Amino acid sequence: MSEPFLQRVDDMKRRFDEISAELSKPDVASDPEALQKYGREQSEMAETVSLYERYLGVENELSEASSMLDDGLDDEMRAFVRDETRRLEADRDTIVAELKELMRPRDKNDDRDVIVEVRAGTGGDEAGLFAAELMRMYLRYAERRGWKHEIMNTNETDLKGVKEVTFEVRGKGAYSRLKWESGVHRVQRVPVTEAGGRIHTSTATVVVLPEADEVEVNVDPNDLQIDVYRSGGHGGQSVNTTDSAVRITHKPTGMVVICQDERSQLKNKARAMSVLRARLYERERLRAQEESSQMRRSQIGSGERAEKIRTYNFPQNRVTDHRIGATLHNLPEVMEGAIEPLIDQLSLAAEREIET
């Protein structure tokens, strides 16, 4: 193997084969948790292993072509073998480049679905309106990407803003794109509630959590306090008539999750558990990241809730991301979900930081 990184790929293939052997065992095949665990790990390696197998095939063909050149070939056949060798070498170089891209350091959560929490910050009613607009911006972005989304819980204000909203975005690579959005978003504009025409500054907080399944986050039922009550606010005919709202308190951490948008208590409980698992998974992920001496925490999109990451200046038609100093002058389009240019620049800046 002329490329040192190919040894890591070879190790990955061995692990892939080991998992295949495990999955063929009767005791594993009958264990749903083990199937889910091994299936996820194998799925994450499948593309790289498949490409590596193509690489090994090309290398084998090159070896055979080299052996043929050592035999006593006539000029016509020798020319044919040399042309074939050049073609195979080009294929090999392309595959190696693709393998290098796949083996670049990346967040293991990048392909996960996400749970997004948006909360109004400072600024009263205007902060609630801005939080609602951020939610809409992300839902529009998800639609542009062909992802599915679903509102899990909302707490609205009287002016059609939101105090807080939780929603799910499902699609390949959702976390890889939306993880950069965690932090404090600031808006500067004349609020609809302002009679004097003065520009106000308000904020909203965004938290993006990778979804976790039950295998990864085992929640002890004895650690939960589950309360049910009648939903409040908007929600249809069943509002305030059935005990469909669910509040789950995780006693060891004090985390509280409320879901009330569904009319079904069971659906609200399932959604609340999904949010709780995501929060616990993120809590553990950040703890492990802080403790690991080998992981250098990126300063780009570190996810700190107190970190002001972006300003939306309406009078100047300007959006500025403070982490990378990027500015766009198309605010209306951004609020309609056109945030791809900012996310591209954030991703590129993070890659450069890893490489340096």
Protein backbone atom coordinates (compact mmCIF):
# COMPACT_ATOMS: atom_id res chain seq x y z
CA MET A 1 0.00 0.00 0.00
CA SER A 2 1.78 3.11 -1.21
CA GLU A 3 -0.68 5.46 0.52
CA PRO A 4 -0.36 5.31 4.37
CA PHE A 5 -4.06 6.10 4.87
CA LEU A 6 -4.97 2.93 2.97
CA GLN A 7 -3.93 0.92 6.02
CA ARG A 8 -6.73 2.63 7.96
CA VAL A 9 -9.15 1.73 5.17
CA ASP A 10 -7.93 -1.86 5.28
CA ASP A 11 -8.54 -1.92 9.05
CA MET A 12 -12.05 -0.61 8.42
CA LYS A 13 -12.72 -3.41 5.93
CA ARG A 14 -11.59 -6.00 8.48
CA ARG A 15 -13.98 -4.50 11.03
CA PHE A 16 -16.75 -4.50 8.41
CA ASP A 17 -16.14 -8.22 7.77
CA GLU A 18 -16.10 -8.93 11.51
CA ILE A 19 -19.52 -7.30 11.87
CA SER A 20 -20.85 -9.34 8.94
CA ALA A 21 -19.69 -12.47 10.76
CA GLU A 22 -21.39 -11.31 13.98
CA LEU A 23 -24.65 -10.59 12.16
CA SER A 24 -24.73 -14.16 10.86
CA LYS A 25 -24.75 -15.59 14.41
CA PRO A 26 -28.19 -16.76 15.61
CA ASP A 27 -27.92 -15.04 19.01
CA VAL A 28 -27.18 -11.69 17.33
CA ALA A 29 -29.84 -12.14 14.65
CA SER A 30 -32.45 -12.59 17.39
CA ASP A 31 -31.32 -9.52 19.39
CA PRO A 32 -32.94 -6.29 18.07
CA GLU A 33 -30.57 -4.05 20.04
CA ALA A 34 -27.47 -5.83 18.74
CA LEU A 35 -28.86 -5.75 15.19
CA GLN A 36 -29.43 -2.01 15.45
CA LYS A 37 -25.99 -1.37 16.92
CA TYR A 38 -24.09 -3.45 14.36
CA GLY A 39 -26.31 -2.28 11.52
CA ARG A 40 -25.57 1.37 12.25
CA GLU A 41 -21.82 0.77 12.49
CA GLN A 42 -21.74 -1.24 9.28
CA SER A 43 -23.88 1.30 7.44
CA GLU A 44 -21.41 4.05 8.31
CA MET A 45 -18.57 2.04 6.73
CA ALA A 46 -20.40 0.56 3.73
CA GLU A 47 -19.59 3.25 1.14
CA THR A 48 -15.89 3.35 2.03
CA VAL A 49 -15.55 -0.45 2.08
CA SER A 50 -17.29 -0.80 -1.27
CA LEU A 51 -14.95 1.76 -2.83
CA TYR A 52 -11.93 0.05 -1.24
CA GLU A 53 -12.99 -3.27 -2.77
CA ARG A 54 -13.02 -1.54 -6.16
CA TYR A 55 -9.50 -0.27 -5.42
CA LEU A 56 -8.29 -3.80 -4.60
CA GLY A 57 -9.82 -5.07 -7.84
CA VAL A 58 -8.02 -2.42 -9.89
CA GLU A 59 -4.75 -3.16 -8.09
CA ASN A 60 -5.18 -6.85 -8.93
CA GLU A 61 -5.78 -6.03 -12.60
CA LEU A 62 -2.68 -3.81 -12.64
CA SER A 63 -0.61 -6.64 -11.19
CA GLU A 64 -1.86 -9.01 -13.90
CA ALA A 65 -1.11 -6.43 -16.60
CA SER A 66 2.43 -6.00 -15.26
CA SER A 67 2.94 -9.77 -15.37
CA MET A 68 1.78 -9.87 -18.97
CA LEU A 69 4.32 -7.20 -19.96
CA ASP A 70 7.05 -9.44 -18.61
CA ASP A 71 5.96 -12.21 -20.98
CA GLY A 72 7.04 -12.34 -24.57
CA LEU A 73 4.23 -10.29 -26.19
CA ASP A 74 4.19 -9.05 -29.76
CA ASP A 75 4.23 -5.29 -30.32
CA GLU A 76 0.47 -4.99 -30.88
CA MET A 77 -0.44 -6.85 -27.70
CA ARG A 78 2.20 -4.98 -25.71
CA ALA A 79 0.73 -1.64 -26.86
CA PHE A 80 -2.76 -2.85 -25.85
CA VAL A 81 -1.59 -3.88 -22.37
CA ARG A 82 0.17 -0.55 -21.87
CA ASP A 83 -3.00 1.37 -22.84
CA GLU A 84 -4.98 -0.80 -20.44
CA THR A 85 -2.41 -0.15 -17.71
CA ARG A 86 -2.73 3.62 -18.16
CA ARG A 87 -6.53 3.34 -17.93
CA LEU A 88 -6.30 1.26 -14.75
CA GLU A 89 -3.81 3.67 -13.19
CA ALA A 90 -6.16 6.56 -13.87
CA ASP A 91 -9.03 4.60 -12.29
CA ARG A 92 -6.86 3.83 -9.28
CA ASP A 93 -5.91 7.49 -8.80
CA THR A 94 -9.57 8.51 -8.95
CA ILE A 95 -10.56 5.87 -6.41
CA VAL A 96 -7.72 6.87 -4.07
CA ALA A 97 -8.83 10.51 -4.22
CA GLU A 98 -12.41 9.48 -3.38
CA LEU A 99 -11.21 7.28 -0.52
CA LYS A 100 -9.17 10.16 0.90
CA GLU A 101 -12.29 12.33 0.88
CA LEU A 102 -14.33 9.65 2.65
CA MET A 103 -11.60 9.13 5.26
CA ARG A 104 -11.25 12.79 6.15
CA PRO A 105 -11.99 13.49 9.83
CA ARG A 106 -15.72 14.01 10.24
CA ASP A 107 -18.32 14.10 12.95
CA LYS A 108 -19.77 10.62 13.44
CA ASN A 109 -23.17 12.25 13.93
CA ASP A 110 -23.19 14.00 10.55
CA ASP A 111 -25.67 11.64 8.90
CA ARG A 112 -28.16 11.71 11.77
CA ASP A 113 -31.58 13.32 11.85
CA VAL A 114 -31.83 16.30 14.19
CA ILE A 115 -34.04 17.89 16.79
CA VAL A 116 -33.96 21.68 16.68
CA GLU A 117 -35.00 23.85 19.61
CA VAL A 118 -35.58 27.56 19.05
CA ARG A 119 -36.27 29.85 22.02
CA ALA A 120 -37.02 33.55 22.21
CA GLY A 121 -34.26 35.46 24.01
CA THR A 122 -34.07 39.11 24.99
CA GLY A 123 -36.49 41.51 23.36
CA GLY A 124 -39.97 40.59 24.57
CA ASP A 125 -42.63 40.12 21.88
CA GLU A 126 -40.15 40.97 19.13
CA ALA A 127 -37.88 38.12 20.25
CA GLY A 128 -40.83 35.74 19.98
CA LEU A 129 -41.61 36.93 16.46
CA PHE A 130 -37.98 36.52 15.45
CA ALA A 131 -37.86 33.00 16.93
CA ALA A 132 -40.90 32.09 14.83
CA GLU A 133 -39.18 33.46 11.72
CA LEU A 134 -36.04 31.43 12.44
CA MET A 135 -38.16 28.31 12.74
CA ARG A 136 -39.76 29.08 9.38
CA MET A 137 -36.32 29.72 7.86
CA TYR A 138 -35.09 26.27 8.91
CA LEU A 139 -38.25 24.54 7.71
CA ARG A 140 -37.89 26.25 4.33
CA TYR A 141 -34.24 25.19 4.20
CA ALA A 142 -35.24 21.60 4.96
CA GLU A 143 -37.75 21.70 2.11
CA ARG A 144 -35.06 23.00 -0.27
CA ARG A 145 -32.91 19.99 0.69
CA GLY A 146 -35.76 17.54 0.26
CA TRP A 147 -35.80 16.70 3.97
CA LYS A 148 -38.90 15.95 6.01
CA HIS A 149 -39.79 17.96 9.08
CA GLU A 150 -42.32 17.80 11.87
CA ILE A 151 -43.22 20.19 14.69
CA MET A 152 -42.92 18.41 18.04
CA ASN A 153 -43.94 21.13 20.51
CA THR A 154 -44.72 24.85 20.43
CA ASN A 155 -45.33 27.51 23.05
CA GLU A 156 -46.78 30.49 21.19
CA THR A 157 -47.11 34.16 22.10
CA ASP A 158 -50.18 36.34 21.64
CA LEU A 159 -48.64 38.00 18.55
CA LYS A 160 -48.09 34.69 16.66
CA GLY A 161 -44.51 34.46 17.77
CA VAL A 162 -43.08 31.59 19.79
CA LYS A 163 -41.58 31.48 23.26
CA GLU A 164 -40.06 28.15 22.28
CA VAL A 165 -40.54 25.55 19.57
CA THR A 166 -39.11 22.08 19.04
CA PHE A 167 -39.13 20.38 15.67
CA GLU A 168 -37.54 17.37 13.99
CA VAL A 169 -35.71 17.39 10.64
CA ARG A 170 -35.18 14.02 8.95
CA GLY A 171 -32.83 13.54 6.00
CA LYS A 172 -29.35 12.27 5.14
CA GLY A 173 -26.74 14.71 6.36
CA ALA A 174 -29.21 16.84 8.33
CA TYR A 175 -26.87 17.20 11.30
CA SER A 176 -23.83 17.85 9.08
CA ARG A 177 -25.54 20.98 7.73
CA LEU A 178 -27.64 22.24 10.62
CA LYS A 179 -25.11 21.74 13.43
CA TRP A 180 -23.58 25.13 12.58
CA GLU A 181 -26.81 26.87 13.63
CA SER A 182 -26.48 26.30 17.38
CA GLY A 183 -25.97 29.55 19.24
CA VAL A 184 -27.46 32.99 19.74
CA HIS A 185 -29.00 34.70 16.69
CA ARG A 186 -29.46 38.48 16.85
CA VAL A 187 -31.93 40.60 14.89
CA GLN A 188 -31.80 44.36 14.34
CA ARG A 189 -34.92 46.02 12.93
CA VAL A 190 -37.95 48.17 13.70
CA PRO A 191 -40.41 45.85 15.46
CA VAL A 192 -44.08 45.80 14.46
CA THR A 193 -44.78 46.77 18.06
CA GLU A 194 -42.64 49.94 17.80
CA ALA A 195 -44.65 53.08 17.08
CA GLY A 196 -41.69 55.46 17.02
CA GLY A 197 -39.73 53.78 14.23
CA ARG A 198 -36.73 53.00 16.39
CA ILE A 199 -34.46 50.05 15.61
CA HIS A 200 -34.42 47.40 18.33
CA THR A 201 -32.06 44.51 18.95
CA SER A 202 -33.51 41.16 20.00
CA THR A 203 -32.20 37.63 20.20
CA ALA A 204 -33.25 34.01 19.88
CA THR A 205 -31.35 30.87 20.82
CA VAL A 206 -31.02 27.83 18.56
CA VAL A 207 -29.91 24.39 19.72
CA VAL A 208 -29.40 21.57 17.21
CA LEU A 209 -29.29 18.06 18.68
CA PRO A 210 -28.40 14.85 16.84
CA GLU A 211 -31.16 12.29 17.36
CA ALA A 212 -30.27 9.25 19.46
CA ASP A 213 -31.99 5.89 19.63
CA GLU A 214 -32.81 3.77 22.66
CA VAL A 215 -29.74 1.58 22.18
CA GLU A 216 -27.38 4.54 22.51
CA VAL A 217 -29.16 6.26 25.41
CA ASN A 218 -30.62 3.89 27.98
CA VAL A 219 -33.03 5.85 30.18
CA ASP A 220 -34.04 4.16 33.42
CA PRO A 221 -37.83 4.49 33.85
CA ASN A 222 -37.25 4.93 37.59
CA ASP A 223 -35.37 8.15 36.80
CA LEU A 224 -38.43 9.70 35.16
CA GLN A 225 -41.32 11.68 36.54
CA ILE A 226 -44.10 11.76 33.95
CA ASP A 227 -47.01 14.19 34.34
CA VAL A 228 -50.01 14.50 32.03
CA TYR A 229 -52.34 17.46 31.82
CA ARG A 230 -54.61 19.31 29.46
CA SER A 231 -52.99 21.09 26.55
CA GLY A 232 -53.09 24.87 26.35
CA GLY A 233 -53.05 27.28 23.42
CA HIS A 234 -53.69 26.27 19.82
CA GLY A 235 -54.29 22.65 18.94
CA GLY A 236 -57.81 21.90 17.75
CA GLN A 237 -60.97 20.58 19.35
CA SER A 238 -59.26 18.38 21.92
CA VAL A 239 -57.42 21.28 23.56
CA ASN A 240 -58.37 21.63 27.23
CA THR A 241 -60.71 18.61 27.00
CA THR A 242 -58.29 15.67 27.35
CA ASP A 243 -55.13 15.07 29.33
CA SER A 244 -52.94 14.73 26.25
CA ALA A 245 -50.01 16.99 27.14
CA VAL A 246 -46.97 15.24 28.62
CA ARG A 247 -44.20 16.63 30.81
CA ILE A 248 -41.22 14.37 31.49
CA THR A 249 -38.70 15.27 34.18
CA HIS A 250 -35.38 13.42 34.19
CA LYS A 251 -34.64 13.44 37.92
CA PRO A 252 -30.84 12.83 37.81
CA THR A 253 -30.22 15.86 35.55
CA GLY A 254 -33.32 17.98 36.18
CA MET A 255 -34.06 18.11 32.44
CA VAL A 256 -37.71 18.85 31.66
CA VAL A 257 -39.33 18.09 28.29
CA ILE A 258 -42.89 19.07 27.41
CA CYS A 259 -44.84 17.93 24.35
CA GLN A 260 -48.46 18.91 23.78
CA ASP A 261 -49.01 19.48 20.06
CA GLU A 262 -50.45 16.02 19.39
CA ARG A 263 -53.93 15.04 20.53
CA SER A 264 -52.61 11.61 21.51
CA GLN A 265 -50.95 11.31 24.89
CA LEU A 266 -48.92 8.34 23.62
CA LYS A 267 -47.58 10.35 20.67
CA ASN A 268 -46.67 13.27 22.92
CA LYS A 269 -44.88 10.91 25.31
CA ALA A 270 -42.93 9.29 22.45
CA ARG A 271 -41.89 12.70 21.15
CA ALA A 272 -40.87 13.90 24.60
CA MET A 273 -38.73 10.78 25.09
CA SER A 274 -37.07 11.39 21.72
CA VAL A 275 -36.17 14.95 22.77
CA LEU A 276 -34.94 13.76 26.17
CA ARG A 277 -32.69 11.11 24.61
CA ALA A 278 -31.26 13.70 22.20
CA ARG A 279 -30.48 16.08 25.08
CA LEU A 280 -28.86 13.34 27.14
CA TYR A 281 -26.85 12.14 24.14
CA GLU A 282 -25.62 15.69 23.48
CA ARG A 283 -24.78 16.17 27.15
CA GLU A 284 -22.62 13.03 27.12
CA ARG A 285 -21.08 13.95 23.76
CA LEU A 286 -19.96 17.35 25.04
CA ARG A 287 -18.65 15.82 28.29
CA ALA A 288 -16.56 13.29 26.37
CA GLN A 289 -15.33 16.02 24.05
CA GLU A 290 -14.18 18.16 26.96
CA GLU A 291 -12.36 15.23 28.60
CA SER A 292 -10.63 13.94 25.49
CA SER A 293 -7.12 15.31 25.18
CA GLN A 294 -6.97 14.13 21.56
CA MET A 295 -9.97 16.13 20.36
CA ARG A 296 -9.42 19.81 19.68
CA ARG A 297 -12.71 21.60 19.98
CA SER A 298 -13.50 23.63 16.89
CA GLN A 299 -13.97 27.34 17.44
CA ILE A 300 -16.35 27.38 14.50
CA GLY A 301 -19.85 26.62 15.68
CA SER A 302 -18.85 25.31 19.10
CA GLY A 303 -22.53 25.28 20.01
CA GLU A 304 -22.25 27.41 23.13
CA ARG A 305 -25.67 28.83 23.87
CA ALA A 306 -24.18 32.13 25.00
CA GLU A 307 -22.21 32.57 21.80
CA LYS A 308 -23.60 35.22 19.44
CA ILE A 309 -23.08 33.61 16.07
CA ARG A 310 -25.10 35.67 13.57
CA THR A 311 -26.76 39.06 13.11
CA TYR A 312 -29.75 39.72 10.84
CA ASN A 313 -29.79 43.45 10.10
CA PHE A 314 -33.04 44.29 8.30
CA PRO A 315 -32.46 48.04 7.63
CA GLN A 316 -29.19 47.22 5.85
CA ASN A 317 -30.46 44.01 4.19
CA ARG A 318 -27.47 42.22 5.71
CA VAL A 319 -26.75 38.90 7.39
CA THR A 320 -23.36 38.52 9.08
CA ASP A 321 -21.94 35.33 10.55
CA HIS A 322 -19.49 36.45 13.22
CA ARG A 323 -17.57 33.16 13.43
CA ILE A 324 -16.11 33.47 9.94
CA GLY A 325 -16.80 37.11 9.12
CA ALA A 326 -19.08 36.19 6.19
CA THR A 327 -21.76 38.66 5.08
CA LEU A 328 -24.68 38.21 2.69
CA HIS A 329 -26.79 41.07 1.33
CA ASN A 330 -29.92 39.11 0.55
CA LEU A 331 -31.76 39.00 3.86
CA PRO A 332 -35.26 38.27 2.45
CA GLU A 333 -33.92 35.21 0.62
CA VAL A 334 -32.05 34.04 3.72
CA MET A 335 -35.24 34.21 5.78
CA GLU A 336 -36.85 32.04 3.09
CA GLY A 337 -34.27 29.33 3.76
CA ALA A 338 -31.39 30.38 1.47
CA ILE A 339 -28.73 29.71 4.14
CA GLU A 340 -26.71 27.24 2.05
CA PRO A 341 -23.91 29.75 1.21
CA LEU A 342 -23.29 30.43 4.91
CA ILE A 343 -23.33 26.74 5.79
CA ASP A 344 -20.92 25.97 2.94
CA GLN A 345 -18.48 28.59 4.20
CA LEU A 346 -18.75 27.35 7.79
CA SER A 347 -18.11 23.77 6.70
CA LEU A 348 -15.09 24.79 4.64
CA ALA A 349 -13.64 26.88 7.47
CA ALA A 350 -14.02 23.96 9.89
CA GLU A 351 -12.27 21.59 7.46
CA ARG A 352 -9.36 24.01 7.11
CA GLU A 353 -9.07 24.27 10.87
CA ILE A 354 -8.88 20.48 11.23
CA GLU A 355 -6.15 20.31 8.58
CA THR A 356 -3.97 22.99 10.22
